[in-house]
Amino acid sequence: MMGTSVNMNDSTLYEQDFYLWLETTVKLLRDRQLDQLDYDNLIEEIEAMGRSEKHRLESNLIVVLMHLLKYKYQPEKRSKTWLSSIFEHRRRLLKTLQSSPSLKRYYEEVFDECYGYAVKQASIETGLPLAHFPVVSPFTIQETLDFEFLPKEQF
């Protein structure tokens, strides 16, 4: 960090050069110079990291659910791209849940909400009316994470 002396109690560094603020914060933490930390912005950034993890989980869940819906309700248009997307977003979900097991409860809490968004997106992408899709997810929480699960055709 080039030996620059920076006063972290002055939050202008955070506003002027975010990357330098990050580097300085890490150095102060490593050196246990806690009295020099910009606590307000540090707390804000840590909270933002938690929100970002939740948003990423929701986004990946919506994509998995949307492609499972398309796979089930438009079997004639199934593609390797859909299968690849299902696989990739399941992988991302599982990695997130492995690195942050406490998010499993959140995953369960937002499952129905994410399903609602997935239905809307599937309707847009397929041209099928919203009423064509079930109000409640035909897929369980476990099925959305199961690499072996693919829905059967809807007759």
C-alpha atoms as a PDB file:
ATOM      1  CA  MET A   1       0.000   0.000   0.000  1.00  0.00           C
ATOM      2  CA  MET A   2       2.940   2.307  -0.648  1.00  0.00           C
ATOM      3  CA  GLY A   3       3.322   3.445   2.985  1.00  0.00           C
ATOM      4  CA  THR A   4       0.703   6.162   2.631  1.00  0.00           C
ATOM      5  CA  SER A   5      -0.724   7.339   5.929  1.00  0.00           C
ATOM      6  CA  VAL A   6      -4.470   7.499   5.659  1.00  0.00           C
ATOM      7  CA  ASN A   7      -6.880   8.634   8.350  1.00  0.00           C
ATOM      8  CA  MET A   8      -9.659   6.057   8.244  1.00  0.00           C
ATOM      9  CA  ASN A   9     -11.766   7.985  10.725  1.00  0.00           C
ATOM     10  CA  ASP A  10     -12.351  10.441   7.901  1.00  0.00           C
ATOM     11  CA  SER A  11     -14.875   8.665   5.636  1.00  0.00           C
ATOM     12  CA  THR A  12     -13.866  10.773   2.622  1.00  0.00           C
ATOM     13  CA  LEU A  13     -11.404   8.048   1.563  1.00  0.00           C
ATOM     14  CA  TYR A  14     -14.359   5.683   1.227  1.00  0.00           C
ATOM     15  CA  GLU A  15     -16.077   8.211  -1.036  1.00  0.00           C
ATOM     16  CA  GLN A  16     -12.977   9.202  -3.022  1.00  0.00           C
ATOM     17  CA  ASP A  17     -11.177   5.884  -3.600  1.00  0.00           C
ATOM     18  CA  PHE A  18     -13.099   2.767  -2.637  1.00  0.00           C
ATOM     19  CA  TYR A  19     -10.318   0.336  -3.567  1.00  0.00           C
ATOM     20  CA  LEU A  20      -7.751   2.247  -1.498  1.00  0.00           C
ATOM     21  CA  TRP A  21     -10.283   2.280   1.362  1.00  0.00           C
ATOM     22  CA  LEU A  22     -10.562  -1.538   1.082  1.00  0.00           C
ATOM     23  CA  GLU A  23      -6.782  -2.005   1.059  1.00  0.00           C
ATOM     24  CA  THR A  24      -6.374   0.335   4.025  1.00  0.00           C
ATOM     25  CA  THR A  25      -9.144  -1.390   5.969  1.00  0.00           C
ATOM     26  CA  VAL A  26      -7.561  -4.820   5.422  1.00  0.00           C
ATOM     27  CA  LYS A  27      -4.171  -3.521   6.536  1.00  0.00           C
ATOM     28  CA  LEU A  28      -5.631  -1.925   9.659  1.00  0.00           C
ATOM     29  CA  LEU A  29      -7.461  -5.149  10.518  1.00  0.00           C
ATOM     30  CA  ARG A  30      -4.330  -7.256   9.985  1.00  0.00           C
ATOM     31  CA  ASP A  31      -2.296  -4.864  12.122  1.00  0.00           C
ATOM     32  CA  ARG A  32      -5.071  -4.864  14.766  1.00  0.00           C
ATOM     33  CA  GLN A  33      -5.289  -1.066  14.556  1.00  0.00           C
ATOM     34  CA  LEU A  34      -8.986  -1.138  15.333  1.00  0.00           C
ATOM     35  CA  ASP A  35      -9.089   2.430  16.616  1.00  0.00           C
ATOM     36  CA  GLN A  36      -8.250   3.632  13.082  1.00  0.00           C
ATOM     37  CA  LEU A  37     -11.093   1.812  11.309  1.00  0.00           C
ATOM     38  CA  ASP A  38     -13.956   3.525   9.483  1.00  0.00           C
ATOM     39  CA  TYR A  39     -16.558   1.446  11.320  1.00  0.00           C
ATOM     40  CA  ASP A  40     -19.680   2.969   9.749  1.00  0.00           C
ATOM     41  CA  ASN A  41     -18.639   2.194   6.194  1.00  0.00           C
ATOM     42  CA  LEU A  42     -17.133  -1.167   7.181  1.00  0.00           C
ATOM     43  CA  ILE A  43     -20.445  -2.232   8.734  1.00  0.00           C
ATOM     44  CA  GLU A  44     -22.324  -0.997   5.675  1.00  0.00           C
ATOM     45  CA  GLU A  45     -20.076  -3.012   3.334  1.00  0.00           C
ATOM     46  CA  ILE A  46     -20.367  -6.203   5.393  1.00  0.00           C
ATOM     47  CA  GLU A  47     -24.165  -5.878   5.434  1.00  0.00           C
ATOM     48  CA  ALA A  48     -24.117  -5.292   1.666  1.00  0.00           C
ATOM     49  CA  MET A  49     -22.085  -8.490   1.224  1.00  0.00           C
ATOM     50  CA  GLY A  50     -24.805 -10.445   3.045  1.00  0.00           C
ATOM     51  CA  ARG A  51     -27.532  -8.924   0.893  1.00  0.00           C
ATOM     52  CA  SER A  52     -25.512  -9.719  -2.215  1.00  0.00           C
ATOM     53  CA  GLU A  53     -25.243 -13.390  -1.215  1.00  0.00           C
ATOM     54  CA  LYS A  54     -29.021 -13.540  -0.755  1.00  0.00           C
ATOM     55  CA  HIS A  55     -29.686 -11.835  -4.086  1.00  0.00           C
ATOM     56  CA  ARG A  56     -27.331 -14.201  -5.896  1.00  0.00           C
ATOM     57  CA  LEU A  57     -29.094 -17.189  -4.330  1.00  0.00           C
ATOM     58  CA  GLU A  58     -32.506 -15.836  -5.395  1.00  0.00           C
ATOM     59  CA  SER A  59     -31.313 -15.116  -8.922  1.00  0.00           C
ATOM     60  CA  ASN A  60     -29.918 -18.624  -9.405  1.00  0.00           C
ATOM     61  CA  LEU A  61     -33.050 -20.207  -7.941  1.00  0.00           C
ATOM     62  CA  ILE A  62     -35.299 -18.218 -10.291  1.00  0.00           C
ATOM     63  CA  VAL A  63     -33.257 -19.353 -13.306  1.00  0.00           C
ATOM     64  CA  VAL A  64     -33.419 -23.017 -12.248  1.00  0.00           C
ATOM     65  CA  LEU A  65     -37.170 -22.851 -11.647  1.00  0.00           C
ATOM     66  CA  MET A  66     -37.818 -20.990 -14.895  1.00  0.00           C
ATOM     67  CA  HIS A  67     -35.896 -23.530 -16.969  1.00  0.00           C
ATOM     68  CA  LEU A  68     -37.553 -26.449 -15.170  1.00  0.00           C
ATOM     69  CA  LEU A  69     -40.918 -24.900 -16.037  1.00  0.00           C
ATOM     70  CA  LYS A  70     -39.922 -24.433 -19.668  1.00  0.00           C
ATOM     71  CA  TYR A  71     -38.600 -28.000 -19.751  1.00  0.00           C
ATOM     72  CA  LYS A  72     -41.871 -29.358 -18.348  1.00  0.00           C
ATOM     73  CA  TYR A  73     -44.364 -27.212 -20.266  1.00  0.00           C
ATOM     74  CA  GLN A  74     -42.597 -26.899 -23.623  1.00  0.00           C
ATOM     75  CA  PRO A  75     -41.097 -30.354 -24.169  1.00  0.00           C
ATOM     76  CA  GLU A  76     -40.986 -29.867 -27.930  1.00  0.00           C
ATOM     77  CA  LYS A  77     -38.505 -26.993 -27.457  1.00  0.00           C
ATOM     78  CA  ARG A  78     -36.149 -28.671 -24.996  1.00  0.00           C
ATOM     79  CA  SER A  79     -32.551 -27.854 -25.691  1.00  0.00           C
ATOM     80  CA  LYS A  80     -29.076 -28.537 -24.442  1.00  0.00           C
ATOM     81  CA  THR A  81     -28.905 -24.862 -23.545  1.00  0.00           C
ATOM     82  CA  TRP A  82     -31.783 -25.298 -21.074  1.00  0.00           C
ATOM     83  CA  LEU A  83     -30.121 -28.373 -19.586  1.00  0.00           C
ATOM     84  CA  SER A  84     -26.812 -26.551 -19.343  1.00  0.00           C
ATOM     85  CA  SER A  85     -28.466 -23.603 -17.622  1.00  0.00           C
ATOM     86  CA  ILE A  86     -30.269 -25.863 -15.150  1.00  0.00           C
ATOM     87  CA  PHE A  87     -26.983 -27.613 -14.362  1.00  0.00           C
ATOM     88  CA  GLU A  88     -24.949 -24.414 -14.006  1.00  0.00           C
ATOM     89  CA  HIS A  89     -27.437 -22.608 -11.777  1.00  0.00           C
ATOM     90  CA  ARG A  90     -27.929 -25.686  -9.596  1.00  0.00           C
ATOM     91  CA  ARG A  91     -24.158 -25.841  -9.242  1.00  0.00           C
ATOM     92  CA  ARG A  92     -24.073 -22.196  -8.180  1.00  0.00           C
ATOM     93  CA  LEU A  93     -26.877 -22.770  -5.681  1.00  0.00           C
ATOM     94  CA  LEU A  94     -25.133 -25.772  -4.175  1.00  0.00           C
ATOM     95  CA  LYS A  95     -21.800 -23.925  -3.945  1.00  0.00           C
ATOM     96  CA  THR A  96     -23.508 -21.045  -2.173  1.00  0.00           C
ATOM     97  CA  LEU A  97     -25.259 -23.384   0.257  1.00  0.00           C
ATOM     98  CA  GLN A  98     -22.005 -25.289   0.886  1.00  0.00           C
ATOM     99  CA  SER A  99     -20.036 -22.140   1.640  1.00  0.00           C
ATOM    100  CA  SER A 100     -22.890 -20.568   3.637  1.00  0.00           C
ATOM    101  CA  PRO A 101     -25.067 -23.355   5.097  1.00  0.00           C
ATOM    102  CA  SER A 102     -27.021 -20.784   7.114  1.00  0.00           C
ATOM    103  CA  LEU A 103     -28.581 -19.600   3.827  1.00  0.00           C
ATOM    104  CA  LYS A 104     -30.511 -22.910   3.539  1.00  0.00           C
ATOM    105  CA  ARG A 105     -33.256 -21.478   5.756  1.00  0.00           C
ATOM    106  CA  TYR A 106     -33.392 -18.349   3.592  1.00  0.00           C
ATOM    107  CA  TYR A 107     -33.549 -20.541   0.465  1.00  0.00           C
ATOM    108  CA  GLU A 108     -36.619 -22.256   1.893  1.00  0.00           C
ATOM    109  CA  GLU A 109     -38.178 -18.918   2.917  1.00  0.00           C
ATOM    110  CA  VAL A 110     -37.891 -17.340  -0.557  1.00  0.00           C
ATOM    111  CA  PHE A 111     -38.632 -20.457  -2.593  1.00  0.00           C
ATOM    112  CA  ASP A 112     -42.312 -19.621  -3.233  1.00  0.00           C
ATOM    113  CA  GLU A 113     -41.552 -15.974  -4.012  1.00  0.00           C
ATOM    114  CA  CYS A 114     -38.834 -17.003  -6.474  1.00  0.00           C
ATOM    115  CA  TYR A 115     -41.206 -19.495  -8.042  1.00  0.00           C
ATOM    116  CA  GLY A 116     -43.650 -16.628  -8.707  1.00  0.00           C
ATOM    117  CA  TYR A 117     -40.935 -14.672 -10.513  1.00  0.00           C
ATOM    118  CA  ALA A 118     -39.870 -17.792 -12.431  1.00  0.00           C
ATOM    119  CA  VAL A 119     -43.454 -18.294 -13.652  1.00  0.00           C
ATOM    120  CA  LYS A 120     -43.589 -14.715 -14.923  1.00  0.00           C
ATOM    121  CA  GLN A 121     -40.269 -15.076 -16.693  1.00  0.00           C
ATOM    122  CA  ALA A 122     -41.204 -18.475 -18.157  1.00  0.00           C
ATOM    123  CA  SER A 123     -44.453 -16.975 -19.427  1.00  0.00           C
ATOM    124  CA  ILE A 124     -42.547 -14.156 -21.130  1.00  0.00           C
ATOM    125  CA  GLU A 125     -39.967 -16.487 -22.686  1.00  0.00           C
ATOM    126  CA  THR A 126     -42.402 -19.177 -23.832  1.00  0.00           C
ATOM    127  CA  GLY A 127     -45.357 -16.991 -24.812  1.00  0.00           C
ATOM    128  CA  LEU A 128     -47.578 -19.250 -22.695  1.00  0.00           C
ATOM    129  CA  PRO A 129     -50.158 -17.489 -20.519  1.00  0.00           C
ATOM    130  CA  LEU A 130     -49.484 -17.242 -16.776  1.00  0.00           C
ATOM    131  CA  ALA A 131     -52.543 -19.421 -16.158  1.00  0.00           C
ATOM    132  CA  HIS A 132     -50.791 -22.256 -17.999  1.00  0.00           C
ATOM    133  CA  PHE A 133     -48.425 -22.683 -15.038  1.00  0.00           C
ATOM    134  CA  PRO A 134     -49.399 -23.953 -11.573  1.00  0.00           C
ATOM    135  CA  VAL A 135     -49.782 -21.362  -8.820  1.00  0.00           C
ATOM    136  CA  VAL A 136     -47.735 -23.571  -6.483  1.00  0.00           C
ATOM    137  CA  SER A 137     -44.403 -24.969  -7.610  1.00  0.00           C
ATOM    138  CA  PRO A 138     -44.667 -28.479  -9.058  1.00  0.00           C
ATOM    139  CA  PHE A 139     -41.025 -28.925  -7.993  1.00  0.00           C
ATOM    140  CA  THR A 140     -39.878 -29.438  -4.433  1.00  0.00           C
ATOM    141  CA  ILE A 141     -37.039 -27.573  -2.794  1.00  0.00           C
ATOM    142  CA  GLN A 142     -34.973 -30.754  -2.960  1.00  0.00           C
ATOM    143  CA  GLU A 143     -35.734 -31.361  -6.651  1.00  0.00           C
ATOM    144  CA  THR A 144     -34.469 -27.915  -7.612  1.00  0.00           C
ATOM    145  CA  LEU A 145     -31.078 -28.847  -6.146  1.00  0.00           C
ATOM    146  CA  ASP A 146     -30.972 -32.425  -7.453  1.00  0.00           C
ATOM    147  CA  PHE A 147     -28.692 -32.769 -10.502  1.00  0.00           C
ATOM    148  CA  GLU A 148     -30.545 -35.940 -11.517  1.00  0.00           C
ATOM    149  CA  PHE A 149     -34.042 -34.444 -11.433  1.00  0.00           C
ATOM    150  CA  LEU A 150     -35.791 -33.339 -14.602  1.00  0.00           C
ATOM    151  CA  PRO A 151     -39.563 -32.931 -14.786  1.00  0.00           C
ATOM    152  CA  LYS A 152     -41.769 -35.160 -16.845  1.00  0.00           C
ATOM    153  CA  GLU A 153     -43.785 -33.762 -19.718  1.00  0.00           C
ATOM    154  CA  GLN A 154     -47.103 -32.107 -18.903  1.00  0.00           C
ATOM    155  CA  PHE A 155     -49.969 -33.723 -20.811  1.00  0.00           C
END
